Amino acid sequence: TTSFGIFFGIYTSLRSLILVDYLGLERLTTATGISFAFGGLALLLGPPIADCLKQLCECTKPIFYFAGGLMVLSLIFLSTMP
């Protein structure tokens, strides 16, 4: 739990710096809002999707495969950015 707290704190504190680096200071407020909106959407839709996968397959393995696949997809999107 300590390492989770450390890494989550680092991510939270660096979010605005990363957004400024990619999008510029003039778009920071909009980018922060969109970032929080997508984060909230993920928190809203994640548990129902996980429950549907668990009920469909009657095991929890597909949930982890789905989450891992989404992480790989986000890595692909990030690697295509200039």
PDB file of N, CA and C in Angstrom:
ATOM      1  N   THR A   1       0.807  -1.195   0.000  1.00  0.00           N
ATOM      2  CA  THR A   1       0.000   0.000   0.000  1.00  0.00           C
ATOM      3  C   THR A   1       0.855   1.267   0.000  1.00  0.00           C
ATOM      4  N   THR A   2       2.024   1.164   0.578  1.00  0.00           N
ATOM      5  CA  THR A   2       2.903   2.330   0.591  1.00  0.00           C
ATOM      6  C   THR A   2       3.357   2.688  -0.815  1.00  0.00           C
ATOM      7  N   SER A   3       3.751   1.672  -1.578  1.00  0.00           N
ATOM      8  CA  SER A   3       4.205   1.947  -2.946  1.00  0.00           C
ATOM      9  C   SER A   3       3.061   2.476  -3.805  1.00  0.00           C
ATOM     10  N   PHE A   4       1.847   1.959  -3.596  1.00  0.00           N
ATOM     11  CA  PHE A   4       0.705   2.480  -4.337  1.00  0.00           C
ATOM     12  C   PHE A   4       0.501   3.959  -4.027  1.00  0.00           C
ATOM     13  N   GLY A   5       0.570   4.312  -2.764  1.00  0.00           N
ATOM     14  CA  GLY A   5       0.401   5.710  -2.380  1.00  0.00           C
ATOM     15  C   GLY A   5       1.472   6.611  -2.959  1.00  0.00           C
ATOM     16  N   ILE A   6       2.704   6.123  -2.970  1.00  0.00           N
ATOM     17  CA  ILE A   6       3.801   6.921  -3.522  1.00  0.00           C
ATOM     18  C   ILE A   6       3.606   7.139  -5.013  1.00  0.00           C
ATOM     19  N   PHE A   7       3.332   6.055  -5.754  1.00  0.00           N
ATOM     20  CA  PHE A   7       3.198   6.182  -7.203  1.00  0.00           C
ATOM     21  C   PHE A   7       1.946   6.950  -7.600  1.00  0.00           C
ATOM     22  N   PHE A   8       0.859   6.787  -6.856  1.00  0.00           N
ATOM     23  CA  PHE A   8      -0.345   7.551  -7.161  1.00  0.00           C
ATOM     24  C   PHE A   8      -0.123   9.033  -6.888  1.00  0.00           C
ATOM     25  N   GLY A   9       0.604   9.346  -5.838  1.00  0.00           N
ATOM     26  CA  GLY A   9       0.931  10.741  -5.545  1.00  0.00           C
ATOM     27  C   GLY A   9       1.815  11.355  -6.612  1.00  0.00           C
ATOM     28  N   ILE A  10       2.776  10.577  -7.106  1.00  0.00           N
ATOM     29  CA  ILE A  10       3.643  11.067  -8.180  1.00  0.00           C
ATOM     30  C   ILE A  10       2.822  11.328  -9.434  1.00  0.00           C
ATOM     31  N   TYR A  11       1.933  10.388  -9.775  1.00  0.00           N
ATOM     32  CA  TYR A  11       1.095  10.558 -10.964  1.00  0.00           C
ATOM     33  C   TYR A  11       0.204  11.788 -10.828  1.00  0.00           C
ATOM     34  N   THR A  12      -0.386  11.959  -9.666  1.00  0.00           N
ATOM     35  CA  THR A  12      -1.286  13.089  -9.459  1.00  0.00           C
ATOM     36  C   THR A  12      -0.550  14.418  -9.554  1.00  0.00           C
ATOM     37  N   SER A  13       0.643  14.466  -9.002  1.00  0.00           N
ATOM     38  CA  SER A  13       1.379  15.729  -9.038  1.00  0.00           C
ATOM     39  C   SER A  13       1.969  16.026 -10.413  1.00  0.00           C
ATOM     40  N   LEU A  14       2.218  15.007 -11.210  1.00  0.00           N
ATOM     41  CA  LEU A  14       2.806  15.227 -12.534  1.00  0.00           C
ATOM     42  C   LEU A  14       1.773  15.380 -13.648  1.00  0.00           C
ATOM     43  N   ARG A  15       0.504  15.146 -13.356  1.00  0.00           N
ATOM     44  CA  ARG A  15      -0.520  15.190 -14.399  1.00  0.00           C
ATOM     45  C   ARG A  15      -0.552  16.535 -15.110  1.00  0.00           C
ATOM     46  N   SER A  16      -0.568  17.620 -14.364  1.00  0.00           N
ATOM     47  CA  SER A  16      -0.645  18.938 -15.003  1.00  0.00           C
ATOM     48  C   SER A  16       0.630  19.249 -15.780  1.00  0.00           C
ATOM     49  N   LEU A  17       1.779  18.807 -15.290  1.00  0.00           N
ATOM     50  CA  LEU A  17       3.023  19.040 -16.029  1.00  0.00           C
ATOM     51  C   LEU A  17       3.043  18.281 -17.352  1.00  0.00           C
ATOM     52  N   ILE A  18       2.541  17.075 -17.342  1.00  0.00           N
ATOM     53  CA  ILE A  18       2.485  16.283 -18.576  1.00  0.00           C
ATOM     54  C   ILE A  18       1.512  16.915 -19.565  1.00  0.00           C
ATOM     55  N   LEU A  19       0.367  17.372 -19.072  1.00  0.00           N
ATOM     56  CA  LEU A  19      -0.602  18.022 -19.958  1.00  0.00           C
ATOM     57  C   LEU A  19      -0.035  19.303 -20.554  1.00  0.00           C
ATOM     58  N   VAL A  20       0.683  20.084 -19.771  1.00  0.00           N
ATOM     59  CA  VAL A  20       1.308  21.306 -20.296  1.00  0.00           C
ATOM     60  C   VAL A  20       2.356  20.950 -21.329  1.00  0.00           C
ATOM     61  N   ASP A  21       3.120  19.893 -21.091  1.00  0.00           N
ATOM     62  CA  ASP A  21       4.164  19.488 -22.028  1.00  0.00           C
ATOM     63  C   ASP A  21       3.575  19.069 -23.373  1.00  0.00           C
ATOM     64  N   TYR A  22       2.466  18.335 -23.352  1.00  0.00           N
ATOM     65  CA  TYR A  22       1.873  17.861 -24.599  1.00  0.00           C
ATOM     66  C   TYR A  22       0.990  18.900 -25.282  1.00  0.00           C
ATOM     67  N   LEU A  23       0.231  19.667 -24.500  1.00  0.00           N
ATOM     68  CA  LEU A  23      -0.793  20.525 -25.094  1.00  0.00           C
ATOM     69  C   LEU A  23      -0.535  22.017 -24.952  1.00  0.00           C
ATOM     70  N   GLY A  24       0.372  22.414 -24.100  1.00  0.00           N
ATOM     71  CA  GLY A  24       0.649  23.829 -23.911  1.00  0.00           C
ATOM     72  C   GLY A  24      -0.123  24.416 -22.744  1.00  0.00           C
ATOM     73  N   LEU A  25       0.396  25.517 -22.239  1.00  0.00           N
ATOM     74  CA  LEU A  25      -0.191  26.150 -21.058  1.00  0.00           C
ATOM     75  C   LEU A  25      -1.569  26.741 -21.343  1.00  0.00           C
ATOM     76  N   GLU A  26      -1.788  27.202 -22.560  1.00  0.00           N
ATOM     77  CA  GLU A  26      -3.073  27.832 -22.882  1.00  0.00           C
ATOM     78  C   GLU A  26      -4.226  26.828 -22.911  1.00  0.00           C
ATOM     79  N   ARG A  27      -3.944  25.547 -23.033  1.00  0.00           N
ATOM     80  CA  ARG A  27      -4.996  24.522 -23.058  1.00  0.00           C
ATOM     81  C   ARG A  27      -5.054  23.707 -21.767  1.00  0.00           C
ATOM     82  N   LEU A  28      -4.348  24.141 -20.745  1.00  0.00           N
ATOM     83  CA  LEU A  28      -4.253  23.343 -19.518  1.00  0.00           C
ATOM     84  C   LEU A  28      -5.603  23.149 -18.843  1.00  0.00           C
ATOM     85  N   THR A  29      -6.407  24.194 -18.736  1.00  0.00           N
ATOM     86  CA  THR A  29      -7.678  24.060 -18.023  1.00  0.00           C
ATOM     87  C   THR A  29      -8.626  23.117 -18.748  1.00  0.00           C
ATOM     88  N   THR A  30      -8.698  23.230 -20.068  1.00  0.00           N
ATOM     89  CA  THR A  30      -9.548  22.335 -20.837  1.00  0.00           C
ATOM     90  C   THR A  30      -9.039  20.903 -20.764  1.00  0.00           C
ATOM     91  N   ALA A  31      -7.734  20.728 -20.895  1.00  0.00           N
ATOM     92  CA  ALA A  31      -7.155  19.384 -20.852  1.00  0.00           C
ATOM     93  C   ALA A  31      -7.349  18.740 -19.486  1.00  0.00           C
ATOM     94  N   THR A  32      -7.240  19.530 -18.421  1.00  0.00           N
ATOM     95  CA  THR A  32      -7.461  18.987 -17.081  1.00  0.00           C
ATOM     96  C   THR A  32      -8.910  18.551 -16.916  1.00  0.00           C
ATOM     97  N   GLY A  33      -9.833  19.345 -17.395  1.00  0.00           N
ATOM     98  CA  GLY A  33     -11.245  18.979 -17.322  1.00  0.00           C
ATOM     99  C   GLY A  33     -11.558  17.719 -18.093  1.00  0.00           C
ATOM    100  N   ILE A  34     -11.017  17.613 -19.294  1.00  0.00           N
ATOM    101  CA  ILE A  34     -11.248  16.415 -20.100  1.00  0.00           C
ATOM    102  C   ILE A  34     -10.599  15.200 -19.449  1.00  0.00           C
ATOM    103  N   SER A  35      -9.413  15.380 -18.893  1.00  0.00           N
ATOM    104  CA  SER A  35      -8.730  14.286 -18.207  1.00  0.00           C
ATOM    105  C   SER A  35      -9.548  13.780 -17.022  1.00  0.00           C
ATOM    106  N   PHE A  36     -10.069  14.695 -16.223  1.00  0.00           N
ATOM    107  CA  PHE A  36     -10.897  14.292 -15.083  1.00  0.00           C
ATOM    108  C   PHE A  36     -12.214  13.675 -15.544  1.00  0.00           C
ATOM    109  N   ALA A  37     -12.774  14.162 -16.650  1.00  0.00           N
ATOM    110  CA  ALA A  37     -14.023  13.600 -17.158  1.00  0.00           C
ATOM    111  C   ALA A  37     -13.836  12.153 -17.598  1.00  0.00           C
ATOM    112  N   PHE A  38     -12.753  11.877 -18.319  1.00  0.00           N
ATOM    113  CA  PHE A  38     -12.504  10.499 -18.740  1.00  0.00           C
ATOM    114  C   PHE A  38     -12.165   9.603 -17.553  1.00  0.00           C
ATOM    115  N   GLY A  39     -11.455  10.151 -16.565  1.00  0.00           N
ATOM    116  CA  GLY A  39     -11.183   9.378 -15.353  1.00  0.00           C
ATOM    117  C   GLY A  39     -12.461   9.037 -14.603  1.00  0.00           C
ATOM    118  N   GLY A  40     -13.363   9.998 -14.509  1.00  0.00           N
ATOM    119  CA  GLY A  40     -14.647   9.754 -13.863  1.00  0.00           C
ATOM    120  C   GLY A  40     -15.502   8.766 -14.631  1.00  0.00           C
ATOM    121  N   LEU A  41     -15.455   8.850 -15.951  1.00  0.00           N
ATOM    122  CA  LEU A  41     -16.196   7.902 -16.776  1.00  0.00           C
ATOM    123  C   LEU A  41     -15.671   6.487 -16.580  1.00  0.00           C
ATOM    124  N   ALA A  42     -14.359   6.349 -16.485  1.00  0.00           N
ATOM    125  CA  ALA A  42     -13.771   5.031 -16.239  1.00  0.00           C
ATOM    126  C   ALA A  42     -14.182   4.497 -14.868  1.00  0.00           C
ATOM    127  N   LEU A  43     -14.205   5.374 -13.861  1.00  0.00           N
ATOM    128  CA  LEU A  43     -14.629   4.939 -12.530  1.00  0.00           C
ATOM    129  C   LEU A  43     -16.113   4.594 -12.493  1.00  0.00           C
ATOM    130  N   LEU A  44     -16.893   5.234 -13.340  1.00  0.00           N
ATOM    131  CA  LEU A  44     -18.322   4.970 -13.380  1.00  0.00           C
ATOM    132  C   LEU A  44     -18.645   3.679 -14.128  1.00  0.00           C
ATOM    133  N   LEU A  45     -17.951   3.432 -15.238  1.00  0.00           N
ATOM    134  CA  LEU A  45     -18.269   2.281 -16.077  1.00  0.00           C
ATOM    135  C   LEU A  45     -17.462   1.028 -15.758  1.00  0.00           C
ATOM    136  N   GLY A  46     -16.332   1.168 -15.084  1.00  0.00           N
ATOM    137  CA  GLY A  46     -15.469   0.024 -14.820  1.00  0.00           C
ATOM    138  C   GLY A  46     -16.121  -1.088 -14.012  1.00  0.00           C
ATOM    139  N   PRO A  47     -16.692  -0.801 -12.851  1.00  0.00           N
ATOM    140  CA  PRO A  47     -17.299  -1.872 -12.056  1.00  0.00           C
ATOM    141  C   PRO A  47     -18.465  -2.597 -12.735  1.00  0.00           C
ATOM    142  N   PRO A  48     -19.390  -1.907 -13.428  1.00  0.00           N
ATOM    143  CA  PRO A  48     -20.441  -2.668 -14.112  1.00  0.00           C
ATOM    144  C   PRO A  48     -19.907  -3.563 -15.233  1.00  0.00           C
ATOM    145  N   ILE A  49     -18.888  -3.096 -15.955  1.00  0.00           N
ATOM    146  CA  ILE A  49     -18.296  -3.930 -17.007  1.00  0.00           C
ATOM    147  C   ILE A  49     -17.622  -5.143 -16.387  1.00  0.00           C
ATOM    148  N   ALA A  50     -16.912  -4.941 -15.284  1.00  0.00           N
ATOM    149  CA  ALA A  50     -16.261  -6.057 -14.598  1.00  0.00           C
ATOM    150  C   ALA A  50     -17.292  -7.058 -14.088  1.00  0.00           C
ATOM    151  N   ASP A  51     -18.409  -6.577 -13.577  1.00  0.00           N
ATOM    152  CA  ASP A  51     -19.455  -7.475 -13.101  1.00  0.00           C
ATOM    153  C   ASP A  51     -20.070  -8.265 -14.244  1.00  0.00           C
ATOM    154  N   CYS A  52     -20.285  -7.614 -15.387  1.00  0.00           N
ATOM    155  CA  CYS A  52     -20.819  -8.329 -16.554  1.00  0.00           C
ATOM    156  C   CYS A  52     -19.860  -9.415 -17.022  1.00  0.00           C
ATOM    157  N   LEU A  53     -18.568  -9.113 -17.049  1.00  0.00           N
ATOM    158  CA  LEU A  53     -17.590 -10.121 -17.445  1.00  0.00           C
ATOM    159  C   LEU A  53     -17.549 -11.279 -16.457  1.00  0.00           C
ATOM    160  N   LYS A  54     -17.680 -10.983 -15.172  1.00  0.00           N
ATOM    161  CA  LYS A  54     -17.666 -12.043 -14.164  1.00  0.00           C
ATOM    162  C   LYS A  54     -18.902 -12.925 -14.291  1.00  0.00           C
ATOM    163  N   GLN A  55     -20.062 -12.332 -14.512  1.00  0.00           N
ATOM    164  CA  GLN A  55     -21.279 -13.117 -14.662  1.00  0.00           C
ATOM    165  C   GLN A  55     -21.278 -13.911 -15.958  1.00  0.00           C
ATOM    166  N   LEU A  56     -20.676 -13.359 -16.999  1.00  0.00           N
ATOM    167  CA  LEU A  56     -20.642 -14.033 -18.290  1.00  0.00           C
ATOM    168  C   LEU A  56     -19.760 -15.272 -18.251  1.00  0.00           C
ATOM    169  N   CYS A  57     -18.607 -15.178 -17.625  1.00  0.00           N
ATOM    170  CA  CYS A  57     -17.637 -16.280 -17.627  1.00  0.00           C
ATOM    171  C   CYS A  57     -17.574 -17.035 -16.307  1.00  0.00           C
ATOM    172  N   GLU A  58     -18.252 -16.538 -15.283  1.00  0.00           N
ATOM    173  CA  GLU A  58     -18.262 -17.145 -13.952  1.00  0.00           C
ATOM    174  C   GLU A  58     -16.868 -17.310 -13.358  1.00  0.00           C
ATOM    175  N   CYS A  59     -15.952 -16.427 -13.737  1.00  0.00           N
ATOM    176  CA  CYS A  59     -14.619 -16.377 -13.136  1.00  0.00           C
ATOM    177  C   CYS A  59     -14.095 -14.953 -13.294  1.00  0.00           C
ATOM    178  N   THR A  60     -13.004 -14.658 -12.620  1.00  0.00           N
ATOM    179  CA  THR A  60     -12.496 -13.291 -12.631  1.00  0.00           C
ATOM    180  C   THR A  60     -11.345 -13.072 -13.605  1.00  0.00           C
ATOM    181  N   LYS A  61     -10.864 -14.105 -14.263  1.00  0.00           N
ATOM    182  CA  LYS A  61      -9.731 -13.932 -15.176  1.00  0.00           C
ATOM    183  C   LYS A  61     -10.017 -12.950 -16.313  1.00  0.00           C
ATOM    184  N   PRO A  62     -11.193 -12.992 -16.955  1.00  0.00           N
ATOM    185  CA  PRO A  62     -11.442 -12.039 -18.048  1.00  0.00           C
ATOM    186  C   PRO A  62     -11.386 -10.575 -17.615  1.00  0.00           C
ATOM    187  N   ILE A  63     -11.686 -10.302 -16.359  1.00  0.00           N
ATOM    188  CA  ILE A  63     -11.617  -8.924 -15.873  1.00  0.00           C
ATOM    189  C   ILE A  63     -10.184  -8.415 -15.964  1.00  0.00           C
ATOM    190  N   PHE A  64      -9.235  -9.246 -15.543  1.00  0.00           N
ATOM    191  CA  PHE A  64      -7.834  -8.840 -15.575  1.00  0.00           C
ATOM    192  C   PHE A  64      -7.311  -8.768 -17.005  1.00  0.00           C
ATOM    193  N   TYR A  65      -7.769  -9.669 -17.874  1.00  0.00           N
ATOM    194  CA  TYR A  65      -7.370  -9.601 -19.276  1.00  0.00           C
ATOM    195  C   TYR A  65      -7.914  -8.335 -19.936  1.00  0.00           C
ATOM    196  N   PHE A  66      -9.148  -7.985 -19.619  1.00  0.00           N
ATOM    197  CA  PHE A  66      -9.760  -6.775 -20.167  1.00  0.00           C
ATOM    198  C   PHE A  66      -9.017  -5.530 -19.691  1.00  0.00           C
ATOM    199  N   ALA A  67      -8.710  -5.470 -18.400  1.00  0.00           N
ATOM    200  CA  ALA A  67      -7.984  -4.317 -17.859  1.00  0.00           C
ATOM    201  C   ALA A  67      -6.584  -4.232 -18.456  1.00  0.00           C
ATOM    202  N   GLY A  68      -5.914  -5.364 -18.597  1.00  0.00           N
ATOM    203  CA  GLY A  68      -4.588  -5.371 -19.213  1.00  0.00           C
ATOM    204  C   GLY A  68      -4.636  -4.950 -20.668  1.00  0.00           C
ATOM    205  N   GLY A  69      -5.669  -5.384 -21.385  1.00  0.00           N
ATOM    206  CA  GLY A  69      -5.827  -4.982 -22.773  1.00  0.00           C
ATOM    207  C   GLY A  69      -6.045  -3.487 -22.916  1.00  0.00           C
ATOM    208  N   LEU A  70      -6.814  -2.904 -22.004  1.00  0.00           N
ATOM    209  CA  LEU A  70      -7.011  -1.456 -22.037  1.00  0.00           C
ATOM    210  C   LEU A  70      -5.718  -0.709 -21.741  1.00  0.00           C
ATOM    211  N   MET A  71      -4.895  -1.269 -20.851  1.00  0.00           N
ATOM    212  CA  MET A  71      -3.603  -0.633 -20.570  1.00  0.00           C
ATOM    213  C   MET A  71      -2.685  -0.692 -21.780  1.00  0.00           C
ATOM    214  N   VAL A  72      -2.685  -1.819 -22.490  1.00  0.00           N
ATOM    215  CA  VAL A  72      -1.872  -1.934 -23.706  1.00  0.00           C
ATOM    216  C   VAL A  72      -2.387  -0.971 -24.768  1.00  0.00           C
ATOM    217  N   LEU A  73      -3.705  -0.848 -24.889  1.00  0.00           N
ATOM    218  CA  LEU A  73      -4.282   0.084 -25.852  1.00  0.00           C
ATOM    219  C   LEU A  73      -3.890   1.526 -25.531  1.00  0.00           C
ATOM    220  N   SER A  74      -3.908   1.889 -24.262  1.00  0.00           N
ATOM    221  CA  SER A  74      -3.488   3.248 -23.906  1.00  0.00           C
ATOM    222  C   SER A  74      -2.003   3.451 -24.159  1.00  0.00           C
ATOM    223  N   LEU A  75      -1.193   2.415 -23.978  1.00  0.00           N
ATOM    224  CA  LEU A  75       0.234   2.510 -24.289  1.00  0.00           C
ATOM    225  C   LEU A  75       0.447   2.731 -25.782  1.00  0.00           C
ATOM    226  N   ILE A  76      -0.339   2.070 -26.607  1.00  0.00           N
ATOM    227  CA  ILE A  76      -0.235   2.260 -28.058  1.00  0.00           C
ATOM    228  C   ILE A  76      -0.602   3.697 -28.427  1.00  0.00           C
ATOM    229  N   PHE A  77      -1.678   4.214 -27.831  1.00  0.00           N
ATOM    230  CA  PHE A  77      -2.067   5.597 -28.103  1.00  0.00           C
ATOM    231  C   PHE A  77      -0.990   6.575 -27.660  1.00  0.00           C
ATOM    232  N   LEU A  78      -0.408   6.340 -26.493  1.00  0.00           N
ATOM    233  CA  LEU A  78       0.637   7.237 -26.005  1.00  0.00           C
ATOM    234  C   LEU A  78       1.898   7.162 -26.843  1.00  0.00           C
ATOM    235  N   SER A  79       2.215   5.995 -27.369  1.00  0.00           N
ATOM    236  CA  SER A  79       3.441   5.866 -28.160  1.00  0.00           C
ATOM    237  C   SER A  79       3.311   6.511 -29.534  1.00  0.00           C
ATOM    238  N   THR A  80       2.098   6.747 -30.005  1.00  0.00           N
ATOM    239  CA  THR A  80       1.922   7.398 -31.303  1.00  0.00           C
ATOM    240  C   THR A  80       1.934   8.919 -31.194  1.00  0.00           C
ATOM    241  N   MET A  81       1.915   9.446 -29.974  1.00  0.00           N
ATOM    242  CA  MET A  81       1.949  10.902 -29.807  1.00  0.00           C
ATOM    243  C   MET A  81       3.356  11.418 -30.065  1.00  0.00           C
ATOM    244  N   PRO A  82       3.461  12.587 -30.694  1.00  0.00           N
ATOM    245  CA  PRO A  82       4.797  13.136 -30.965  1.00  0.00           C
ATOM    246  C   PRO A  82       5.494  13.621 -29.706  1.00  0.00           C
TER     247      PRO A  82
END
